[in-house]
N, C-alpha and C. Protein backbone atom coordinates (compact mmCIF):
# COMPACT_ATOMS: atom_id res chain seq x y z
N MET A 1 0.90 -1.07 0.01
CA MET A 1 -0.12 0.14 -0.17
C MET A 1 0.81 1.13 0.21
N LYS A 2 2.09 1.06 0.23
CA LYS A 2 3.06 2.24 0.31
C LYS A 2 3.19 3.00 -1.09
N TYR A 3 3.16 2.11 -2.04
CA TYR A 3 3.21 2.76 -3.46
C TYR A 3 1.79 2.70 -4.14
N LEU A 4 1.02 1.77 -3.70
CA LEU A 4 -0.23 1.73 -4.60
C LEU A 4 -1.57 2.45 -3.91
N TRP A 5 -1.30 3.54 -3.17
CA TRP A 5 -2.16 4.34 -2.55
C TRP A 5 -3.14 5.05 -3.59
N PRO A 6 -2.68 5.33 -4.54
CA PRO A 6 -3.53 6.18 -5.71
C PRO A 6 -4.41 5.27 -6.40
N VAL A 7 -4.39 3.96 -6.31
CA VAL A 7 -5.29 2.89 -6.87
C VAL A 7 -6.44 3.21 -6.14
N LEU A 8 -6.60 3.63 -4.92
CA LEU A 8 -7.88 3.85 -4.24
C LEU A 8 -8.57 4.86 -4.65
N LEU A 9 -7.80 6.03 -4.95
CA LEU A 9 -8.59 7.07 -5.58
C LEU A 9 -9.10 6.61 -7.00
N LEU A 10 -8.32 5.87 -7.83
CA LEU A 10 -9.02 5.46 -9.10
C LEU A 10 -10.25 4.58 -8.83
N GLY A 11 -10.29 3.89 -7.69
CA GLY A 11 -11.63 3.18 -7.50
C GLY A 11 -12.84 3.98 -7.18
N ILE A 12 -12.47 5.18 -6.59
CA ILE A 12 -13.38 6.16 -6.30
C ILE A 12 -13.85 6.84 -7.47
N ALA A 13 -12.88 7.00 -8.38
CA ALA A 13 -13.22 7.75 -9.74
C ALA A 13 -14.09 6.92 -10.70
N VAL A 14 -13.77 5.51 -10.64
CA VAL A 14 -14.44 4.68 -11.55
C VAL A 14 -16.05 4.57 -10.87
N GLY A 15 -16.17 4.49 -9.44
CA GLY A 15 -17.43 4.44 -9.03
C GLY A 15 -18.38 5.68 -9.26
N LEU A 16 -17.63 6.80 -9.16
CA LEU A 16 -18.40 8.01 -9.55
C LEU A 16 -18.94 8.08 -10.96
N TYR A 17 -17.86 7.75 -11.93
CA TYR A 17 -18.27 7.67 -13.26
C TYR A 17 -19.39 6.68 -13.70
N GLU A 18 -19.45 5.51 -13.02
CA GLU A 18 -20.43 4.50 -13.07
C GLU A 18 -21.73 5.06 -12.57
N TYR A 19 -21.71 5.68 -11.57
CA TYR A 19 -22.76 6.46 -10.84
C TYR A 19 -23.48 7.62 -11.86
N SER A 20 -22.50 8.28 -12.49
CA SER A 20 -23.07 9.38 -13.36
C SER A 20 -23.63 8.71 -14.55
N ILE A 21 -23.13 7.58 -15.12
CA ILE A 21 -23.65 7.16 -16.25
C ILE A 21 -25.16 6.39 -15.86
N ASN A 22 -25.15 5.57 -14.83
CA ASN A 22 -26.48 4.96 -14.44
C ASN A 22 -27.55 5.80 -13.69
N SER A 23 -27.24 6.94 -13.32
CA SER A 23 -28.13 7.85 -12.50
C SER A 23 -29.27 8.42 -13.32
N PRO A 24 -30.44 8.22 -12.75
CA PRO A 24 -31.50 8.67 -13.49
C PRO A 24 -31.51 10.34 -13.94
N ARG A 25 -30.73 11.22 -12.96
CA ARG A 25 -30.41 12.48 -13.39
C ARG A 25 -29.09 12.46 -13.78
N ARG A 26 -29.09 12.92 -15.30
CA ARG A 26 -27.87 12.80 -15.63
C ARG A 26 -26.99 14.15 -15.40
N THR A 27 -25.87 13.98 -14.60
CA THR A 27 -25.23 15.17 -14.31
C THR A 27 -23.87 15.18 -14.88
N GLY A 28 -23.54 16.08 -15.65
CA GLY A 28 -22.28 16.27 -16.55
C GLY A 28 -20.99 16.51 -15.72
N GLY A 29 -21.47 17.36 -14.57
CA GLY A 29 -20.32 17.60 -13.56
C GLY A 29 -19.84 16.61 -12.85
N LEU A 30 -20.46 15.48 -12.60
CA LEU A 30 -20.09 14.37 -11.84
C LEU A 30 -19.21 13.56 -12.72
N SER A 31 -19.52 13.19 -14.01
CA SER A 31 -18.59 12.60 -14.84
C SER A 31 -17.28 13.27 -14.94
N ALA A 32 -17.30 14.85 -15.13
CA ALA A 32 -16.15 15.38 -15.34
C ALA A 32 -15.19 15.40 -14.08
N ILE A 33 -15.90 15.47 -12.95
CA ILE A 33 -14.92 15.25 -11.67
C ILE A 33 -14.32 13.91 -11.66
N ALA A 34 -15.28 12.91 -11.97
CA ALA A 34 -14.81 11.46 -12.14
C ALA A 34 -13.54 11.24 -12.87
N VAL A 35 -13.62 11.93 -14.25
CA VAL A 35 -12.55 11.78 -15.12
C VAL A 35 -11.40 12.52 -14.69
N ILE A 36 -11.44 13.76 -14.17
CA ILE A 36 -10.37 14.55 -13.57
C ILE A 36 -9.70 13.70 -12.37
N LEU A 37 -10.44 13.15 -11.34
CA LEU A 37 -9.97 12.49 -10.20
C LEU A 37 -9.21 10.98 -10.86
N GLY A 38 -9.72 10.44 -12.06
CA GLY A 38 -8.91 9.23 -12.57
C GLY A 38 -7.70 9.57 -13.02
N VAL A 39 -7.65 10.82 -13.78
CA VAL A 39 -6.40 11.32 -14.29
C VAL A 39 -5.29 11.64 -13.20
N VAL A 40 -5.64 12.27 -12.30
CA VAL A 40 -4.89 12.64 -11.12
C VAL A 40 -4.34 11.54 -10.40
N SER A 41 -5.28 10.32 -10.30
CA SER A 41 -4.90 9.10 -9.50
C SER A 41 -4.00 8.20 -10.46
N ILE A 42 -4.04 8.36 -11.79
CA ILE A 42 -3.08 7.68 -12.72
C ILE A 42 -1.74 8.39 -12.70
N THR A 43 -1.70 9.66 -12.56
CA THR A 43 -0.61 10.38 -12.49
C THR A 43 0.30 10.10 -11.32
N LEU A 44 -0.46 10.06 -10.15
CA LEU A 44 0.04 10.07 -8.76
C LEU A 44 0.67 8.59 -8.71
N CYS A 45 -0.16 7.53 -9.38
CA CYS A 45 0.52 6.11 -9.15
C CYS A 45 1.85 6.11 -10.16
N VAL A 46 1.75 6.65 -11.20
CA VAL A 46 3.03 6.70 -11.91
C VAL A 46 4.32 7.24 -11.24
N PHE A 47 3.99 8.41 -10.68
CA PHE A 47 5.00 9.06 -9.76
C PHE A 47 5.52 8.31 -8.65
N SER A 48 4.46 7.70 -7.98
CA SER A 48 4.89 6.81 -6.71
C SER A 48 5.67 5.65 -7.17
N LEU A 49 5.38 5.07 -8.36
CA LEU A 49 6.03 3.68 -8.76
C LEU A 49 7.33 4.06 -9.32
N MET A 50 7.72 5.43 -9.71
CA MET A 50 9.16 5.62 -10.18
C MET A 50 10.11 5.29 -9.28
N GLY A 51 9.88 5.53 -8.04
CA GLY A 51 10.89 5.29 -7.06
C GLY A 51 11.07 3.78 -6.90
N THR A 52 10.19 2.81 -7.39
CA THR A 52 10.44 1.38 -7.06
C THR A 52 11.18 0.55 -8.26
N GLY A 53 11.91 1.37 -9.18
CA GLY A 53 12.32 0.67 -10.34
C GLY A 53 11.59 0.39 -11.38
N VAL A 54 10.49 0.62 -11.28
CA VAL A 54 9.58 0.56 -12.59
C VAL A 54 9.80 1.41 -13.69
N ILE A 55 10.56 2.50 -13.23
CA ILE A 55 10.90 3.45 -14.31
C ILE A 55 12.00 2.91 -15.30
N TYR A 56 12.89 1.96 -14.69
CA TYR A 56 13.56 1.17 -15.65
C TYR A 56 12.92 0.58 -16.55
N LEU A 57 11.99 -0.27 -16.18
CA LEU A 57 11.43 -1.26 -16.89
C LEU A 57 10.45 -0.26 -18.06
N ILE A 58 10.14 0.71 -17.70
CA ILE A 58 9.37 1.65 -18.71
C ILE A 58 10.34 2.16 -19.48
N GLY A 59 11.54 2.23 -19.08
CA GLY A 59 12.72 2.85 -20.14
C GLY A 59 12.97 1.84 -20.98
N ILE A 60 13.15 0.62 -20.75
CA ILE A 60 13.38 -0.37 -21.64
C ILE A 60 12.44 -0.72 -22.56
N VAL A 61 11.09 -0.62 -22.07
CA VAL A 61 10.11 -0.60 -23.14
C VAL A 61 10.04 0.27 -24.10
N PHE A 62 10.32 1.39 -23.65
CA PHE A 62 10.53 2.71 -24.76
C PHE A 62 11.82 2.55 -25.72
N ILE A 63 12.84 1.97 -25.10
CA ILE A 63 14.07 1.70 -26.19
C ILE A 63 13.73 0.57 -27.05
N ALA A 64 13.02 -0.34 -26.54
CA ALA A 64 12.81 -1.54 -27.45
C ALA A 64 11.73 -0.90 -28.57
N ALA A 65 10.76 -0.28 -28.20
CA ALA A 65 9.89 0.39 -29.27
C ALA A 65 10.60 1.30 -30.27
N GLY A 66 11.60 2.02 -29.72
CA GLY A 66 12.30 2.92 -30.65
C GLY A 66 13.13 2.03 -31.65
N ILE A 67 13.76 0.95 -31.18
CA ILE A 67 14.56 0.25 -31.94
C ILE A 67 13.62 -0.40 -32.99
N TRP A 68 12.69 -0.87 -32.51
CA TRP A 68 11.75 -1.62 -33.40
C TRP A 68 11.18 -0.64 -34.55
N LEU A 69 11.03 0.74 -34.32
CA LEU A 69 10.40 1.50 -35.28
C LEU A 69 11.69 2.06 -36.22
N ILE A 70 12.88 2.16 -35.75
CA ILE A 70 14.08 2.57 -36.53
C ILE A 70 14.51 1.44 -37.40
N THR A 71 14.40 0.22 -37.05
CA THR A 71 14.87 -0.92 -37.97
C THR A 71 13.96 -1.07 -39.14
N GLY A 72 12.99 -0.35 -39.25
CA GLY A 72 12.23 -0.34 -40.44
C GLY A 72 11.27 -1.41 -40.56
N ARG A 73 10.31 -1.28 -39.59
CA ARG A 73 9.05 -2.25 -39.95
C ARG A 73 8.28 -1.64 -41.00
N GLY A 74 8.28 -2.34 -42.14
CA GLY A 74 7.39 -1.97 -43.28
C GLY A 74 8.08 -0.85 -44.05
N ARG A 75 9.48 -0.61 -44.10
CA ARG A 75 9.89 0.50 -44.44
C ARG A 75 9.79 0.49 -46.23
N THR A 76 9.98 -0.65 -46.72
CA THR A 76 9.89 -0.56 -48.27
C THR A 76 8.41 -0.31 -48.69
N ARG A 77 7.48 -0.91 -48.13
CA ARG A 77 6.07 -0.66 -48.28
C ARG A 77 5.88 0.95 -48.11
N GLY A 78 6.21 1.61 -47.30
CA GLY A 78 6.01 2.95 -47.05
C GLY A 78 6.58 3.90 -48.26
N TRP A 79 7.90 3.47 -48.53
CA TRP A 79 8.53 4.23 -49.59
C TRP A 79 8.07 4.04 -50.83
N LYS A 80 7.44 2.85 -51.22
CA LYS A 80 6.92 2.74 -52.55
C LYS A 80 5.50 3.41 -52.82
N ARG A 81 4.79 3.60 -51.46
CA ARG A 81 3.55 4.30 -51.42
C ARG A 81 3.78 5.73 -51.65
N TRP A 82 4.61 6.34 -51.00
CA TRP A 82 4.76 7.66 -51.14
C TRP A 82 5.72 8.42 -51.98
N TYR A 83 6.60 7.43 -52.48
CA TYR A 83 7.68 8.09 -53.42
C TYR A 83 7.30 7.67 -54.94
N ARG A 84 7.11 8.56 -55.66
CA ARG A 84 6.97 8.29 -57.02
C ARG A 84 7.80 9.02 -58.02
N SER A 85 8.57 8.29 -58.63
CA SER A 85 9.60 8.89 -59.61
C SER A 85 9.53 8.42 -60.89
């Protein structure tokens, strides 16, 4: 719970959003508050997990995705489609 306490806020945000959808009185403000609380919760969860070493895993994933993009996934198909000489 030391690092995952923002998940509790996410649970509240999901509950508020479900309530705003299923409520007989449609309140737009309640769903907006739920979305804002959800975004804040996810942001806080990312920041709290950065200290646990998860940031290294995220970095490895981004580096692998960059290498995959650079090595030319479908490079010939893209050049033929856009380059006409």
